[in-house]
C-alpha atoms as a PDB file:
ATOM      1  CA  MET A   1     -67.333  78.505  76.658  1.00  0.00           C
ATOM      2  CA  ASN A   2     -69.275  77.791  73.503  1.00  0.00           C
ATOM      3  CA  ALA A   3     -69.654  80.120  70.546  1.00  0.00           C
ATOM      4  CA  SER A   4     -70.719  79.666  66.960  1.00  0.00           C
ATOM      5  CA  LEU A   5     -70.216  81.899  63.980  1.00  0.00           C
ATOM      6  CA  THR A   6     -70.730  81.703  60.242  1.00  0.00           C
ATOM      7  CA  PHE A   7     -68.010  83.097  58.015  1.00  0.00           C
ATOM      8  CA  GLN A   8     -69.651  84.217  54.776  1.00  0.00           C
ATOM      9  CA  SER A   9     -66.383  84.230  52.823  1.00  0.00           C
ATOM     10  CA  PRO A  10     -62.687  83.432  53.119  1.00  0.00           C
ATOM     11  CA  GLU A  11     -62.159  87.170  53.721  1.00  0.00           C
ATOM     12  CA  GLU A  12     -64.412  87.034  56.804  1.00  0.00           C
ATOM     13  CA  THR A  13     -62.469  84.039  58.089  1.00  0.00           C
ATOM     14  CA  ALA A  14     -59.215  85.960  57.587  1.00  0.00           C
ATOM     15  CA  ALA A  15     -60.633  89.081  59.274  1.00  0.00           C
ATOM     16  CA  PHE A  16     -61.674  87.080  62.333  1.00  0.00           C
ATOM     17  CA  ALA A  17     -58.233  85.426  62.553  1.00  0.00           C
ATOM     18  CA  ALA A  18     -56.593  88.866  62.228  1.00  0.00           C
ATOM     19  CA  ALA A  19     -58.781  90.259  65.035  1.00  0.00           C
ATOM     20  CA  LEU A  20     -57.858  87.359  67.333  1.00  0.00           C
ATOM     21  CA  ALA A  21     -54.130  87.400  66.465  1.00  0.00           C
ATOM     22  CA  PRO A  22     -52.965  90.347  68.623  1.00  0.00           C
ATOM     23  CA  LEU A  23     -54.738  88.953  71.689  1.00  0.00           C
ATOM     24  CA  LEU A  24     -52.693  85.737  71.746  1.00  0.00           C
ATOM     25  CA  LYS A  25     -49.683  85.098  73.943  1.00  0.00           C
ATOM     26  CA  PRO A  26     -47.194  82.270  74.501  1.00  0.00           C
ATOM     27  CA  GLY A  27     -48.980  79.250  75.947  1.00  0.00           C
ATOM     28  CA  ASP A  28     -52.138  79.780  73.874  1.00  0.00           C
ATOM     29  CA  ALA A  29     -53.134  76.858  71.668  1.00  0.00           C
ATOM     30  CA  ILE A  30     -55.873  76.666  69.057  1.00  0.00           C
ATOM     31  CA  LEU A  31     -56.905  73.188  67.973  1.00  0.00           C
ATOM     32  CA  LEU A  32     -58.232  73.398  64.413  1.00  0.00           C
ATOM     33  CA  GLN A  33     -60.708  70.658  63.545  1.00  0.00           C
ATOM     34  CA  GLY A  34     -62.595  70.020  60.340  1.00  0.00           C
ATOM     35  CA  GLY A  35     -62.441  68.003  57.168  1.00  0.00           C
ATOM     36  CA  LEU A  36     -60.165  68.536  54.205  1.00  0.00           C
ATOM     37  CA  GLY A  37     -60.850  71.943  52.675  1.00  0.00           C
ATOM     38  CA  SER A  38     -62.772  73.264  55.660  1.00  0.00           C
ATOM     39  CA  GLY A  39     -60.492  76.293  56.110  1.00  0.00           C
ATOM     40  CA  LYS A  40     -58.115  75.220  58.886  1.00  0.00           C
ATOM     41  CA  THR A  41     -54.968  76.241  57.013  1.00  0.00           C
ATOM     42  CA  HIS A  42     -56.563  79.452  55.733  1.00  0.00           C
ATOM     43  CA  PHE A  43     -57.462  80.435  59.317  1.00  0.00           C
ATOM     44  CA  ALA A  44     -53.955  79.633  60.613  1.00  0.00           C
ATOM     45  CA  ARG A  45     -52.234  81.382  57.692  1.00  0.00           C
ATOM     46  CA  SER A  46     -54.366  84.511  58.198  1.00  0.00           C
ATOM     47  CA  LEU A  47     -53.617  84.613  61.929  1.00  0.00           C
ATOM     48  CA  ILE A  48     -49.873  84.138  61.409  1.00  0.00           C
ATOM     49  CA  GLN A  49     -49.706  86.755  58.655  1.00  0.00           C
ATOM     50  CA  ALA A  50     -51.587  89.249  60.855  1.00  0.00           C
ATOM     51  CA  ARG A  51     -49.096  88.768  63.704  1.00  0.00           C
ATOM     52  CA  LEU A  52     -46.114  89.044  61.374  1.00  0.00           C
ATOM     53  CA  SER A  53     -47.541  92.123  59.662  1.00  0.00           C
ATOM     54  CA  ALA A  54     -48.113  93.836  63.023  1.00  0.00           C
ATOM     55  CA  ALA A  55     -44.402  93.346  63.696  1.00  0.00           C
ATOM     56  CA  GLY A  56     -43.464  94.796  60.306  1.00  0.00           C
ATOM     57  CA  LEU A  57     -42.555  91.364  58.956  1.00  0.00           C
ATOM     58  CA  ALA A  58     -43.713  89.505  55.881  1.00  0.00           C
ATOM     59  CA  GLU A  59     -43.196  85.840  55.236  1.00  0.00           C
ATOM     60  CA  ASP A  60     -44.740  83.146  53.087  1.00  0.00           C
ATOM     61  CA  VAL A  61     -46.920  80.874  55.238  1.00  0.00           C
ATOM     62  CA  PRO A  62     -47.137  77.496  53.502  1.00  0.00           C
ATOM     63  CA  SER A  63     -49.218  74.594  54.723  1.00  0.00           C
ATOM     64  CA  PRO A  64     -47.170  72.377  57.043  1.00  0.00           C
ATOM     65  CA  THR A  65     -48.728  69.231  55.554  1.00  0.00           C
ATOM     66  CA  TYR A  66     -45.357  67.750  54.589  1.00  0.00           C
ATOM     67  CA  THR A  67     -43.049  69.487  57.041  1.00  0.00           C
ATOM     68  CA  LEU A  68     -45.482  68.801  59.940  1.00  0.00           C
ATOM     69  CA  VAL A  69     -44.359  71.983  61.730  1.00  0.00           C
ATOM     70  CA  GLN A  70     -43.614  75.521  60.534  1.00  0.00           C
ATOM     71  CA  VAL A  71     -42.268  77.932  63.153  1.00  0.00           C
ATOM     72  CA  TYR A  72     -42.503  81.722  62.867  1.00  0.00           C
ATOM     73  CA  ASP A  73     -41.231  84.455  65.178  1.00  0.00           C
ATOM     74  CA  ASP A  74     -42.983  87.829  65.379  1.00  0.00           C
ATOM     75  CA  GLY A  75     -40.534  89.238  67.933  1.00  0.00           C
ATOM     76  CA  LEU A  76     -42.959  88.640  70.806  1.00  0.00           C
ATOM     77  CA  SER A  77     -43.513  84.921  70.486  1.00  0.00           C
ATOM     78  CA  GLU A  78     -42.793  81.902  68.402  1.00  0.00           C
ATOM     79  CA  ILE A  79     -45.850  80.719  66.509  1.00  0.00           C
ATOM     80  CA  TRP A  80     -46.006  77.007  65.768  1.00  0.00           C
ATOM     81  CA  HIS A  81     -48.278  75.933  62.907  1.00  0.00           C
ATOM     82  CA  CYS A  82     -48.609  72.154  62.953  1.00  0.00           C
ATOM     83  CA  ASP A  83     -50.415  69.759  60.662  1.00  0.00           C
ATOM     84  CA  LEU A  84     -50.594  66.401  62.389  1.00  0.00           C
ATOM     85  CA  TYR A  85     -52.535  64.608  59.639  1.00  0.00           C
ATOM     86  CA  ARG A  86     -49.606  62.367  58.727  1.00  0.00           C
ATOM     87  CA  LEU A  87     -48.710  61.372  62.295  1.00  0.00           C
ATOM     88  CA  SER A  88     -49.291  57.738  63.114  1.00  0.00           C
ATOM     89  CA  GLY A  89     -50.106  58.379  66.770  1.00  0.00           C
ATOM     90  CA  PRO A  90     -49.644  60.569  69.831  1.00  0.00           C
ATOM     91  CA  HIS A  91     -46.135  59.218  70.532  1.00  0.00           C
ATOM     92  CA  ASP A  92     -44.947  61.205  67.473  1.00  0.00           C
ATOM     93  CA  VAL A  93     -45.981  64.446  69.234  1.00  0.00           C
ATOM     94  CA  VAL A  94     -43.113  64.071  71.694  1.00  0.00           C
ATOM     95  CA  GLU A  95     -40.583  63.820  68.854  1.00  0.00           C
ATOM     96  CA  LEU A  96     -41.857  67.083  67.324  1.00  0.00           C
ATOM     97  CA  GLY A  97     -41.238  69.033  70.551  1.00  0.00           C
ATOM     98  CA  LEU A  98     -44.873  70.076  70.884  1.00  0.00           C
ATOM     99  CA  GLU A  99     -45.032  69.501  74.628  1.00  0.00           C
ATOM    100  CA  GLU A 100     -42.537  72.308  75.239  1.00  0.00           C
ATOM    101  CA  ALA A 101     -44.083  74.524  72.559  1.00  0.00           C
ATOM    102  CA  PHE A 102     -47.473  74.333  74.285  1.00  0.00           C
ATOM    103  CA  SER A 103     -46.023  76.315  77.187  1.00  0.00           C
ATOM    104  CA  SER A 104     -43.605  78.613  75.356  1.00  0.00           C
ATOM    105  CA  ALA A 105     -45.235  79.435  72.005  1.00  0.00           C
ATOM    106  CA  ILE A 106     -48.545  80.175  70.328  1.00  0.00           C
ATOM    107  CA  CYS A 107     -49.619  76.870  68.789  1.00  0.00           C
ATOM    108  CA  LEU A 108     -52.041  76.366  65.905  1.00  0.00           C
ATOM    109  CA  ILE A 109     -52.695  72.650  65.518  1.00  0.00           C
ATOM    110  CA  GLU A 110     -54.461  71.095  62.542  1.00  0.00           C
ATOM    111  CA  TRP A 111     -55.776  67.547  63.031  1.00  0.00           C
ATOM    112  CA  PRO A 112     -55.537  67.748  66.852  1.00  0.00           C
ATOM    113  CA  ASP A 113     -57.179  64.332  67.260  1.00  0.00           C
ATOM    114  CA  ARG A 114     -53.639  62.960  66.738  1.00  0.00           C
ATOM    115  CA  LEU A 115     -52.600  64.585  70.036  1.00  0.00           C
ATOM    116  CA  ASP A 116     -54.754  62.275  72.164  1.00  0.00           C
ATOM    117  CA  ASP A 117     -53.796  62.960  75.829  1.00  0.00           C
ATOM    118  CA  PHE A 118     -51.126  65.490  74.805  1.00  0.00           C
ATOM    119  CA  ALA A 119     -53.755  68.094  73.869  1.00  0.00           C
ATOM    120  CA  PRO A 120     -53.495  71.081  76.224  1.00  0.00           C
ATOM    121  CA  ARG A 121     -56.527  71.284  78.512  1.00  0.00           C
ATOM    122  CA  SER A 122     -56.496  75.085  78.237  1.00  0.00           C
ATOM    123  CA  ALA A 123     -56.718  75.112  74.427  1.00  0.00           C
ATOM    124  CA  LEU A 124     -59.433  76.640  72.289  1.00  0.00           C
ATOM    125  CA  THR A 125     -61.007  74.176  69.880  1.00  0.00           C
ATOM    126  CA  LEU A 126     -62.178  75.673  66.614  1.00  0.00           C
ATOM    127  CA  GLU A 127     -64.209  73.345  64.424  1.00  0.00           C
ATOM    128  CA  LEU A 128     -64.739  74.553  60.864  1.00  0.00           C
ATOM    129  CA  SER A 129     -67.318  73.034  58.525  1.00  0.00           C
ATOM    130  CA  MET A 130     -68.038  73.643  54.879  1.00  0.00           C
ATOM    131  CA  THR A 131     -71.526  74.613  53.764  1.00  0.00           C
ATOM    132  CA  ASP A 132     -73.276  74.300  50.411  1.00  0.00           C
ATOM    133  CA  ALA A 133     -72.350  77.907  49.572  1.00  0.00           C
ATOM    134  CA  PRO A 134     -68.850  78.363  48.090  1.00  0.00           C
ATOM    135  CA  GLY A 135     -66.458  79.949  50.612  1.00  0.00           C
ATOM    136  CA  LYS A 136     -69.014  79.946  53.438  1.00  0.00           C
ATOM    137  CA  ARG A 137     -67.985  78.134  56.634  1.00  0.00           C
ATOM    138  CA  THR A 138     -69.612  77.509  59.963  1.00  0.00           C
ATOM    139  CA  SER A 139     -67.408  77.593  63.011  1.00  0.00           C
ATOM    140  CA  HIS A 140     -67.866  76.357  66.536  1.00  0.00           C
ATOM    141  CA  PHE A 141     -65.528  77.433  69.337  1.00  0.00           C
ATOM    142  CA  THR A 142     -65.223  75.538  72.635  1.00  0.00           C
ATOM    143  CA  SER A 143     -62.953  75.742  75.662  1.00  0.00           C
ATOM    144  CA  ASP A 144     -63.081  75.158  79.402  1.00  0.00           C
ATOM    145  CA  SER A 145     -60.500  77.907  79.974  1.00  0.00           C
ATOM    146  CA  PRO A 146     -61.680  81.259  81.376  1.00  0.00           C
ATOM    147  CA  ARG A 147     -58.967  82.932  79.279  1.00  0.00           C
ATOM    148  CA  TRP A 148     -60.642  81.899  76.028  1.00  0.00           C
ATOM    149  CA  ARG A 149     -64.033  83.020  77.248  1.00  0.00           C
ATOM    150  CA  GLU A 150     -62.586  86.473  77.934  1.00  0.00           C
ATOM    151  CA  LEU A 151     -60.756  86.633  74.588  1.00  0.00           C
ATOM    152  CA  MET A 152     -63.729  85.413  72.589  1.00  0.00           C
ATOM    153  CA  THR A 153     -66.002  87.911  74.334  1.00  0.00           C
ATOM    154  CA  ARG A 154     -63.652  90.648  73.119  1.00  0.00           C
ATOM    155  CA  VAL A 155     -63.738  89.351  69.530  1.00  0.00           C
ATOM    156  CA  LEU A 156     -67.334  88.018  69.417  1.00  0.00           C
ATOM    157  CA  PRO A 157     -69.209  89.862  72.179  1.00  0.00           C
ATOM    158  CA  ASP A 158     -72.695  88.763  71.087  1.00  0.00           C
ATOM    159  CA  THR A 159     -72.050  85.074  70.450  1.00  0.00           C
ATOM    160  CA  VAL A 160     -70.261  83.687  73.518  1.00  0.00           C
ATOM    161  CA  ASN A 161     -72.343  81.512  75.840  1.00  0.00           C
ATOM    162  CA  GLY A 162     -71.478  79.561  78.978  1.00  0.00           C
END
């Protein structure tokens, strides 16, 4: 599955994340790629806040840059928000408990290149890129999993190919 989309503003990014949020279930992983400031944390924060809000919960969603992992519970699933930027290599993934979380929680992983062979094969990769226009981002979604093709068709019916 390949799909591309341009978010014209941070609000559009948040709206997309909010539309995707209720479709996720334990075992779903989104690998968030892109440079510093590309919108990875904004996307993850928006998705987490949408799930929490749907459950009648409100919680601050800070960047996990220094904690590496922030875990939330919306009553249906744990949601792991991970920032792997500071990891020295894939062996650190085991110490964080990510292997188990990939099967039992919704996982949003920033800097997934640090996962190496630990990256779930069924994950959705979302690559965000800045543009010359302030707040505007391009996004490219890829996955080999039929589940993501079905979910993305529900959220982006006119942009999903292959």
